[in-house]
Amino acid sequence: MPLLKNQRTALILTGFHIFIIASSNFLVQLPISVFGFNSTWGAFSYPFIFLTTDLTVRIFGPHLGRRIIFYAMIPALFISYLVSVIFHEGTWMGLKALNHFDLFAARIAFASFSAYVIGQIIDVYVFNRLRKNPQWWHAPLASAILGNLVDTATFSFIAFYKTSNVYFSNNLVEIATVDYTFKILINTLFFLPLYKVLLDWIMMRLKKGSGL
């Protein structure tokens, strides 16, 4: 029974990872300006993945965390490409757009795939090293800082370096820097408290035998 529960939990979390990746690949194509700095809406959605991974590693250990990454990475690659093509630069292009190979969308999909795998592996490793620290916030904060740094740098370079989209190509460094800053601020102000609330709630349900 515990094995079946873990498998069900892994599938639920995998589905959530894929959903966040697909959503972020749509939102990352939508530029925004915050206090005069260039960024994208993807900076506000993608940190959910780190929250989910950290909770998984905290409760179930690093093995399940790595298994979720393995389950999600291939579907996420294809779904990322589909989303990036039919919503090219945030505009609905229709299913006919899939008839032609889109290099810009392919770069976003591959960048998302690479950043996800590398960033999540680092996140799992750092979090697992620190998860027994008596201060509960050390592990999620440290893993978010390092994981998001590698994730953002990997994605931005692969997706936007000398891309055909002039805006993203010309503002690559600024977008990456601002995105990373926003991710850390959002994580510190919102996701750390949310992490603690969800952790306590999940642990309470597990102790009662209610499951997730």
C-alpha atoms as a PDB file:
ATOM      1  CA  MET A   1       0.000   0.000   0.000  1.00  0.00           C
ATOM      2  CA  PRO A   2       2.733   2.575   0.804  1.00  0.00           C
ATOM      3  CA  LEU A   3       4.301   1.796  -2.586  1.00  0.00           C
ATOM      4  CA  LEU A   4       0.994   2.407  -4.377  1.00  0.00           C
ATOM      5  CA  LYS A   5       0.515   5.653  -2.460  1.00  0.00           C
ATOM      6  CA  ASN A   6       4.007   6.791  -3.424  1.00  0.00           C
ATOM      7  CA  GLN A   7       3.366   5.951  -7.073  1.00  0.00           C
ATOM      8  CA  ARG A   8       0.107   7.878  -7.038  1.00  0.00           C
ATOM      9  CA  THR A   9       1.811  10.812  -5.344  1.00  0.00           C
ATOM     10  CA  ALA A  10       4.628  10.712  -7.901  1.00  0.00           C
ATOM     11  CA  LEU A  11       2.158  10.784 -10.796  1.00  0.00           C
ATOM     12  CA  ILE A  12       0.196  13.679  -9.279  1.00  0.00           C
ATOM     13  CA  LEU A  13       3.370  15.694  -8.682  1.00  0.00           C
ATOM     14  CA  THR A  14       4.671  14.822 -12.161  1.00  0.00           C
ATOM     15  CA  GLY A  15       1.457  16.117 -13.701  1.00  0.00           C
ATOM     16  CA  PHE A  16       1.789  19.312 -11.691  1.00  0.00           C
ATOM     17  CA  HIS A  17       5.388  19.758 -12.882  1.00  0.00           C
ATOM     18  CA  ILE A  18       4.333  19.346 -16.523  1.00  0.00           C
ATOM     19  CA  PHE A  19       1.457  21.808 -16.061  1.00  0.00           C
ATOM     20  CA  ILE A  20       3.737  24.449 -14.537  1.00  0.00           C
ATOM     21  CA  ILE A  21       6.349  23.982 -17.278  1.00  0.00           C
ATOM     22  CA  ALA A  22       3.726  24.308 -20.025  1.00  0.00           C
ATOM     23  CA  SER A  23       2.183  27.374 -18.384  1.00  0.00           C
ATOM     24  CA  SER A  24       5.566  28.992 -17.875  1.00  0.00           C
ATOM     25  CA  ASN A  25       6.557  28.389 -21.508  1.00  0.00           C
ATOM     26  CA  PHE A  26       3.490  30.361 -22.540  1.00  0.00           C
ATOM     27  CA  LEU A  27       4.038  33.096 -19.955  1.00  0.00           C
ATOM     28  CA  VAL A  28       7.769  33.447 -20.702  1.00  0.00           C
ATOM     29  CA  GLN A  29       6.835  34.715 -24.174  1.00  0.00           C
ATOM     30  CA  LEU A  30       4.942  37.637 -22.634  1.00  0.00           C
ATOM     31  CA  PRO A  31       7.334  40.469 -21.773  1.00  0.00           C
ATOM     32  CA  ILE A  32       6.541  42.858 -18.954  1.00  0.00           C
ATOM     33  CA  SER A  33       8.190  45.923 -17.492  1.00  0.00           C
ATOM     34  CA  VAL A  34       8.307  46.270 -13.709  1.00  0.00           C
ATOM     35  CA  PHE A  35       9.652  49.549 -12.370  1.00  0.00           C
ATOM     36  CA  GLY A  36      11.390  50.052 -15.704  1.00  0.00           C
ATOM     37  CA  PHE A  37      13.060  46.613 -15.733  1.00  0.00           C
ATOM     38  CA  ASN A  38      12.384  44.100 -18.501  1.00  0.00           C
ATOM     39  CA  SER A  39      11.155  40.672 -17.494  1.00  0.00           C
ATOM     40  CA  THR A  40       8.515  38.059 -18.402  1.00  0.00           C
ATOM     41  CA  TRP A  41       5.423  36.674 -16.700  1.00  0.00           C
ATOM     42  CA  GLY A  42       7.165  33.297 -16.508  1.00  0.00           C
ATOM     43  CA  ALA A  43       9.175  34.549 -13.541  1.00  0.00           C
ATOM     44  CA  PHE A  44       6.028  34.433 -11.434  1.00  0.00           C
ATOM     45  CA  SER A  45       4.838  30.927 -12.318  1.00  0.00           C
ATOM     46  CA  TYR A  46       7.950  28.752 -12.553  1.00  0.00           C
ATOM     47  CA  PRO A  47       8.963  28.924  -8.841  1.00  0.00           C
ATOM     48  CA  PHE A  48       5.983  26.646  -8.100  1.00  0.00           C
ATOM     49  CA  ILE A  49       8.084  23.744  -9.368  1.00  0.00           C
ATOM     50  CA  PHE A  50      10.791  24.364  -6.763  1.00  0.00           C
ATOM     51  CA  LEU A  51       8.129  24.537  -4.053  1.00  0.00           C
ATOM     52  CA  THR A  52       6.719  21.178  -5.164  1.00  0.00           C
ATOM     53  CA  THR A  53      10.150  19.525  -5.426  1.00  0.00           C
ATOM     54  CA  ASP A  54      11.243  20.779  -2.006  1.00  0.00           C
ATOM     55  CA  LEU A  55       8.090  19.450  -0.354  1.00  0.00           C
ATOM     56  CA  THR A  56       8.580  16.103  -2.099  1.00  0.00           C
ATOM     57  CA  VAL A  57      12.200  15.752  -0.966  1.00  0.00           C
ATOM     58  CA  ARG A  58      11.348  16.873   2.563  1.00  0.00           C
ATOM     59  CA  ILE A  59       8.575  14.305   2.985  1.00  0.00           C
ATOM     60  CA  PHE A  60       9.532  11.385   0.740  1.00  0.00           C
ATOM     61  CA  GLY A  61      13.279  11.796   0.248  1.00  0.00           C
ATOM     62  CA  PRO A  62      15.470  12.518  -2.801  1.00  0.00           C
ATOM     63  CA  HIS A  63      14.653   9.262  -4.627  1.00  0.00           C
ATOM     64  CA  LEU A  64      11.049  10.261  -5.341  1.00  0.00           C
ATOM     65  CA  GLY A  65      12.180  13.784  -6.215  1.00  0.00           C
ATOM     66  CA  ARG A  66      14.559  12.462  -8.880  1.00  0.00           C
ATOM     67  CA  ARG A  67      11.923  10.012 -10.130  1.00  0.00           C
ATOM     68  CA  ILE A  68       9.481  12.882 -10.728  1.00  0.00           C
ATOM     69  CA  ILE A  69      12.114  14.743 -12.735  1.00  0.00           C
ATOM     70  CA  PHE A  70      12.664  11.607 -14.838  1.00  0.00           C
ATOM     71  CA  TYR A  71       8.925  11.127 -15.399  1.00  0.00           C
ATOM     72  CA  ALA A  72       8.267  14.750 -16.317  1.00  0.00           C
ATOM     73  CA  MET A  73      11.236  15.706 -18.499  1.00  0.00           C
ATOM     74  CA  ILE A  74      10.292  14.004 -21.801  1.00  0.00           C
ATOM     75  CA  PRO A  75       6.557  14.893 -21.767  1.00  0.00           C
ATOM     76  CA  ALA A  76       7.533  18.412 -20.734  1.00  0.00           C
ATOM     77  CA  LEU A  77       9.865  18.717 -23.745  1.00  0.00           C
ATOM     78  CA  PHE A  78       7.120  17.886 -26.247  1.00  0.00           C
ATOM     79  CA  ILE A  79       4.391  19.847 -24.473  1.00  0.00           C
ATOM     80  CA  SER A  80       6.711  22.842 -24.224  1.00  0.00           C
ATOM     81  CA  TYR A  81       7.221  22.792 -27.989  1.00  0.00           C
ATOM     82  CA  LEU A  82       3.493  22.437 -28.687  1.00  0.00           C
ATOM     83  CA  VAL A  83       2.597  25.317 -26.360  1.00  0.00           C
ATOM     84  CA  SER A  84       5.350  27.534 -27.763  1.00  0.00           C
ATOM     85  CA  VAL A  85       4.217  26.901 -31.360  1.00  0.00           C
ATOM     86  CA  ILE A  86       0.454  27.268 -31.042  1.00  0.00           C
ATOM     87  CA  PHE A  87       0.902  30.272 -28.722  1.00  0.00           C
ATOM     88  CA  HIS A  88       3.757  31.931 -30.612  1.00  0.00           C
ATOM     89  CA  GLU A  89       4.898  34.975 -28.608  1.00  0.00           C
ATOM     90  CA  GLY A  90       1.672  34.748 -26.636  1.00  0.00           C
ATOM     91  CA  THR A  91      -0.612  34.822 -29.691  1.00  0.00           C
ATOM     92  CA  TRP A  92      -2.864  31.888 -30.624  1.00  0.00           C
ATOM     93  CA  MET A  93      -1.628  30.555 -33.959  1.00  0.00           C
ATOM     94  CA  GLY A  94      -3.911  27.554 -34.276  1.00  0.00           C
ATOM     95  CA  LEU A  95      -3.045  23.889 -34.743  1.00  0.00           C
ATOM     96  CA  LYS A  96      -1.989  24.555 -38.342  1.00  0.00           C
ATOM     97  CA  ALA A  97       1.163  26.143 -36.944  1.00  0.00           C
ATOM     98  CA  LEU A  98       2.339  22.632 -36.056  1.00  0.00           C
ATOM     99  CA  ASN A  99       2.708  21.863 -39.767  1.00  0.00           C
ATOM    100  CA  HIS A 100       5.899  23.919 -39.863  1.00  0.00           C
ATOM    101  CA  PHE A 101       8.995  23.607 -37.692  1.00  0.00           C
ATOM    102  CA  ASP A 102       9.432  26.674 -35.490  1.00  0.00           C
ATOM    103  CA  LEU A 103      13.056  27.237 -34.459  1.00  0.00           C
ATOM    104  CA  PHE A 104      12.188  29.902 -31.867  1.00  0.00           C
ATOM    105  CA  ALA A 105       9.662  27.574 -30.227  1.00  0.00           C
ATOM    106  CA  ALA A 106      12.094  24.652 -30.427  1.00  0.00           C
ATOM    107  CA  ARG A 107      14.756  26.690 -28.645  1.00  0.00           C
ATOM    108  CA  ILE A 108      12.307  27.600 -25.890  1.00  0.00           C
ATOM    109  CA  ALA A 109      11.274  23.951 -25.522  1.00  0.00           C
ATOM    110  CA  PHE A 110      14.854  22.664 -25.414  1.00  0.00           C
ATOM    111  CA  ALA A 111      15.887  25.498 -23.091  1.00  0.00           C
ATOM    112  CA  SER A 112      12.997  24.661 -20.788  1.00  0.00           C
ATOM    113  CA  PHE A 113      13.896  20.962 -20.876  1.00  0.00           C
ATOM    114  CA  SER A 114      17.581  21.606 -20.121  1.00  0.00           C
ATOM    115  CA  ALA A 115      16.932  24.189 -17.425  1.00  0.00           C
ATOM    116  CA  TYR A 116      14.300  22.006 -15.774  1.00  0.00           C
ATOM    117  CA  VAL A 117      16.472  18.899 -15.566  1.00  0.00           C
ATOM    118  CA  ILE A 118      19.658  20.678 -14.455  1.00  0.00           C
ATOM    119  CA  GLY A 119      17.917  23.086 -12.084  1.00  0.00           C
ATOM    120  CA  GLN A 120      15.805  20.386 -10.440  1.00  0.00           C
ATOM    121  CA  ILE A 121      18.721  17.990  -9.965  1.00  0.00           C
ATOM    122  CA  ILE A 122      20.640  20.761  -8.209  1.00  0.00           C
ATOM    123  CA  ASP A 123      17.549  21.673  -6.200  1.00  0.00           C
ATOM    124  CA  VAL A 124      17.110  18.075  -5.020  1.00  0.00           C
ATOM    125  CA  TYR A 125      20.809  17.725  -4.171  1.00  0.00           C
ATOM    126  CA  VAL A 126      21.065  20.976  -2.192  1.00  0.00           C
ATOM    127  CA  PHE A 127      17.759  20.488  -0.419  1.00  0.00           C
ATOM    128  CA  ASN A 128      18.572  16.910   0.556  1.00  0.00           C
ATOM    129  CA  ARG A 129      21.938  17.997   1.994  1.00  0.00           C
ATOM    130  CA  LEU A 130      20.231  20.580   4.195  1.00  0.00           C
ATOM    131  CA  ARG A 131      16.817  19.084   4.939  1.00  0.00           C
ATOM    132  CA  LYS A 132      17.853  17.768   8.375  1.00  0.00           C
ATOM    133  CA  ASN A 133      19.010  21.205   9.448  1.00  0.00           C
ATOM    134  CA  PRO A 134      17.037  22.249  12.567  1.00  0.00           C
ATOM    135  CA  GLN A 135      16.081  25.521  10.871  1.00  0.00           C
ATOM    136  CA  TRP A 136      13.295  24.460   8.459  1.00  0.00           C
ATOM    137  CA  TRP A 137      13.830  27.391   6.073  1.00  0.00           C
ATOM    138  CA  HIS A 138      17.548  26.789   5.369  1.00  0.00           C
ATOM    139  CA  ALA A 139      16.988  23.946   2.882  1.00  0.00           C
ATOM    140  CA  PRO A 140      14.200  25.505   0.745  1.00  0.00           C
ATOM    141  CA  LEU A 141      15.888  28.909   0.637  1.00  0.00           C
ATOM    142  CA  ALA A 142      19.342  27.607  -0.286  1.00  0.00           C
ATOM    143  CA  SER A 143      17.993  25.184  -2.900  1.00  0.00           C
ATOM    144  CA  ALA A 144      15.845  27.951  -4.413  1.00  0.00           C
ATOM    145  CA  ILE A 145      18.781  30.363  -4.651  1.00  0.00           C
ATOM    146  CA  LEU A 146      21.103  27.873  -6.354  1.00  0.00           C
ATOM    147  CA  GLY A 147      18.478  25.992  -8.349  1.00  0.00           C
ATOM    148  CA  ASN A 148      16.863  29.131  -9.748  1.00  0.00           C
ATOM    149  CA  LEU A 149      20.248  30.618 -10.590  1.00  0.00           C
ATOM    150  CA  VAL A 150      21.270  27.641 -12.731  1.00  0.00           C
ATOM    151  CA  ASP A 151      17.768  27.236 -14.157  1.00  0.00           C
ATOM    152  CA  THR A 152      17.435  30.884 -15.192  1.00  0.00           C
ATOM    153  CA  ALA A 153      20.931  31.116 -16.676  1.00  0.00           C
ATOM    154  CA  THR A 154      20.517  27.866 -18.632  1.00  0.00           C
ATOM    155  CA  PHE A 155      17.092  28.733 -19.994  1.00  0.00           C
ATOM    156  CA  SER A 156      17.894  32.331 -20.919  1.00  0.00           C
ATOM    157  CA  PHE A 157      21.120  31.501 -22.769  1.00  0.00           C
ATOM    158  CA  ILE A 158      19.702  28.577 -24.759  1.00  0.00           C
ATOM    159  CA  ALA A 159      16.372  30.250 -25.550  1.00  0.00           C
ATOM    160  CA  PHE A 160      17.341  33.856 -26.221  1.00  0.00           C
ATOM    161  CA  TYR A 161      21.023  34.113 -27.183  1.00  0.00           C
ATOM    162  CA  LYS A 162      21.071  35.536 -30.717  1.00  0.00           C
ATOM    163  CA  THR A 163      17.454  34.501 -31.215  1.00  0.00           C
ATOM    164  CA  SER A 164      15.275  35.794 -34.039  1.00  0.00           C
ATOM    165  CA  ASN A 165      13.197  37.710 -31.503  1.00  0.00           C
ATOM    166  CA  VAL A 166      14.959  41.059 -31.296  1.00  0.00           C
ATOM    167  CA  TYR A 167      13.456  42.040 -27.934  1.00  0.00           C
ATOM    168  CA  PHE A 168      14.628  38.909 -26.138  1.00  0.00           C
ATOM    169  CA  SER A 169      17.986  38.851 -27.899  1.00  0.00           C
ATOM    170  CA  ASN A 170      18.819  42.472 -27.066  1.00  0.00           C
ATOM    171  CA  ASN A 171      17.625  42.250 -23.459  1.00  0.00           C
ATOM    172  CA  LEU A 172      18.930  38.769 -22.635  1.00  0.00           C
ATOM    173  CA  VAL A 173      21.101  39.680 -19.638  1.00  0.00           C
ATOM    174  CA  GLU A 174      18.584  42.122 -18.189  1.00  0.00           C
ATOM    175  CA  ILE A 175      15.678  39.693 -18.553  1.00  0.00           C
ATOM    176  CA  ALA A 176      17.657  36.853 -16.965  1.00  0.00           C
ATOM    177  CA  THR A 177      18.837  39.051 -14.079  1.00  0.00           C
ATOM    178  CA  VAL A 178      15.408  40.522 -13.383  1.00  0.00           C
ATOM    179  CA  ASP A 179      13.706  37.132 -13.724  1.00  0.00           C
ATOM    180  CA  TYR A 180      16.114  35.607 -11.221  1.00  0.00           C
ATOM    181  CA  THR A 181      15.674  38.506  -8.804  1.00  0.00           C
ATOM    182  CA  PHE A 182      11.890  38.249  -9.009  1.00  0.00           C
ATOM    183  CA  LYS A 183      12.020  34.482  -8.474  1.00  0.00           C
ATOM    184  CA  ILE A 184      14.095  34.859  -5.313  1.00  0.00           C
ATOM    185  CA  LEU A 185      11.897  37.673  -3.979  1.00  0.00           C
ATOM    186  CA  ILE A 186       8.732  35.713  -4.707  1.00  0.00           C
ATOM    187  CA  ASN A 187      10.213  32.603  -3.139  1.00  0.00           C
ATOM    188  CA  THR A 188      11.335  34.435   0.011  1.00  0.00           C
ATOM    189  CA  LEU A 189       8.177  36.490   0.546  1.00  0.00           C
ATOM    190  CA  PHE A 190       5.492  34.032  -0.551  1.00  0.00           C
ATOM    191  CA  PHE A 191       6.757  30.505  -1.197  1.00  0.00           C
ATOM    192  CA  LEU A 192       8.740  30.033   2.013  1.00  0.00           C
ATOM    193  CA  PRO A 193       5.669  30.748   4.194  1.00  0.00           C
ATOM    194  CA  LEU A 194       3.506  28.673   1.831  1.00  0.00           C
ATOM    195  CA  TYR A 195       6.038  25.861   2.002  1.00  0.00           C
ATOM    196  CA  LYS A 196       5.786  25.801   5.795  1.00  0.00           C
ATOM    197  CA  VAL A 197       1.976  25.832   5.754  1.00  0.00           C
ATOM    198  CA  LEU A 198       1.770  23.029   3.184  1.00  0.00           C
ATOM    199  CA  LEU A 199       4.463  20.990   4.929  1.00  0.00           C
ATOM    200  CA  ASP A 200       2.622  21.118   8.260  1.00  0.00           C
ATOM    201  CA  TRP A 201      -0.701  20.277   6.564  1.00  0.00           C
ATOM    202  CA  ILE A 202       0.714  17.326   4.607  1.00  0.00           C
ATOM    203  CA  MET A 203       2.559  15.928   7.624  1.00  0.00           C
ATOM    204  CA  MET A 204      -0.629  16.181   9.697  1.00  0.00           C
ATOM    205  CA  ARG A 205      -2.595  14.239   7.048  1.00  0.00           C
ATOM    206  CA  LEU A 206       0.109  11.590   6.759  1.00  0.00           C
ATOM    207  CA  LYS A 207       0.177  11.108  10.533  1.00  0.00           C
ATOM    208  CA  LYS A 208      -3.597  10.668  10.530  1.00  0.00           C
ATOM    209  CA  GLY A 209      -3.306   8.179   7.671  1.00  0.00           C
ATOM    210  CA  SER A 210      -5.461  10.300   5.378  1.00  0.00           C
ATOM    211  CA  GLY A 211      -2.886  10.381   2.553  1.00  0.00           C
ATOM    212  CA  LEU A 212      -2.442  13.236   0.091  1.00  0.00           C
END
